[in-house]
Every structure is written in C-alpha cells, then in structure tokens.
Amino acid sequence: MLKQRLLTAAVLIPLVVFSLLYLPTSIVQWLLAGVVVLAAWEWFAIIGFKQRPERLFSFASLALITVLTAIVISFLLLSTILWSIILVLVVRYAHSALPANIEKVIMQPVSAVILASLVLALFWHSAVLLHSTPLGAQQLLYIMVLVWLADTGGYFAGKRWGKTKLAKAISPNKTWEGVAGAVVLGLIWAVIAYAINLSGSLGLISWLVLSLVALLISIVGDLFESLFKRAHNIKDSGNLLPGHGGILDRIDSLLAAVPVFTAGIFWLGAY
C-alpha cells in the first residue's frame, strides 16, 4: 500500500506542479474541470446515482449550478457562507448522530446531488479565479502543499500522540493531537512561503491567520466527505489512484480550503 501511494505521488506531483506553474489559466481551468468531473462521478456514485438517467441528471445539475454560481451571486461570498454552515454542522455533531432532518439532506439523492454540485462548483470557480491572478499559480500550489503537509503532520502526530478524539461520530481515527501536528507543520510552511514572497502584499500576521483558517477548514472538508461516506456506508470514494483511493478522497480537503483561501486573499486586499 505504501509503495503504491509513493509511486502514485511520484507521478502526479510533477504533473500538478508543471500544470499549475507553466500552463495558462485558459488551459488549467479545463484540467481543473476534469478533476471536478472525476470527483463528481465518484460523489454521485456514493449518493446512489449510478444509472445513465441518474448520471445525466446529476451532471446536468452540476453544470447548471456551476453556471448559476458564476452569474447570479458572488461565489466567494457563497463559499464562505457554505463552509461556515458546514463548520457549524461538523462541530455541533462531531460526537453525536445527525438529526433526522439534516441526515435526510445527505441521504436524499436529489438534495445530496445539489449540495455536492454546489461544493464542487465553488471549488472550481475559486481555483480558476486564484490561478488567474499575478501570484495565483504559486498561491494555488501553496494552498495545495499546505493542505498536503497538514494532512501529513496530522497523520504522524495523531499516530504518535493521538488520544483525544476530534469527531468520533464522523471520523473516529482523527484526534486533536493530530490537528496540533497539522497546524505546526502547516504554519512552518506558511512562514517559509512568506519568506519567499508568496504572500503578495499581505503582511506576515494576515498571511499566517489566513493560512491557519484555510488549514483548519481543510480538516472540516475532510470530515464533511467522511460524513457523506459514513452515511452511505462507503469506505473509499473510488480506486482510481492506486494506494490513495479515489479522486474525491484526495481533494476533499482542498474543496474547502481553496474557496476560503481565495476569498481571504481578495477580501484582505492582496489584489
């Protein structure tokens, strides 16, 4: 398993770095769209939409929501509101079962597809917008590395010192000690990134606070996907990536972190 994970990472990481840093946004937006479609395919299957008519409905919903979030309202504001609500939900029911009315939203296929489509659409819009800014390619890579390092720090700290459950009703293996490890490693990377001028016009404190918020909300994104999978009795979202599970398993944290980070970058006046 570890060998497979390392081999997959060895192939994917150079491709991701090259694509983000050297390809224009006009191409990157389609690559990101491909990632979103693959993640949607897995997410809709978790929900139970596997037949052709159901697939057509679910992807039509994703396309429509993607268009509407671009032209009807500010997707940065909507992203912040959505992930604030999900944060409250995860914190409130971290150690207890969801109430029936909330569980119904996750279990009922149509409402679940709409929610999943909204999360995926907001991620795509935010990632494309960030990449189009002067430092956006580097900052998009920065937030990805931040999330991956946080995941690594959380895993090893949790495995070594983890005792206090973070959200036992959602993801029993996650601990507060793991969160501490994620924060330490993540903030070290944030300081390094600031030193090499990835923060743009943001000062050190603003950059660190924004990075910390994005890191913490990335954990919420991970828990949110776990909540979906647990509700539908699924372990992995797929098996597309050997040793890593599915695409959705790899980007669940980014689905939350990228929109919130992008919103923060713009609202703090970096652009």
Foldseek 3Di string as FASTA:
>chain_A
DVVLVVVLCVVVVVVLLCCLPPPALVVVLVVLVVLLVQLLQLQLVLLPQDDPVSVVVLVVLLVVLLVCCVPPDPLLVVLVVVLVVLVVVCQVQLAHDDDPVVLCCLNVNVSVSNVSSSLSSSLSVLLSVQSNDPLSSVVSVLLLVLQVQLQVQLVVQCVVPNDAADRCVQDRSGGVSSNVRSLVRSLVSQVVCVVVPSLQPDDSVLSSVLSNVLNVSLVSLLSVVSNSCVSSVHDASACPRPPQGGSCSSCSSSSNNSSSSSSSCVVVPSD
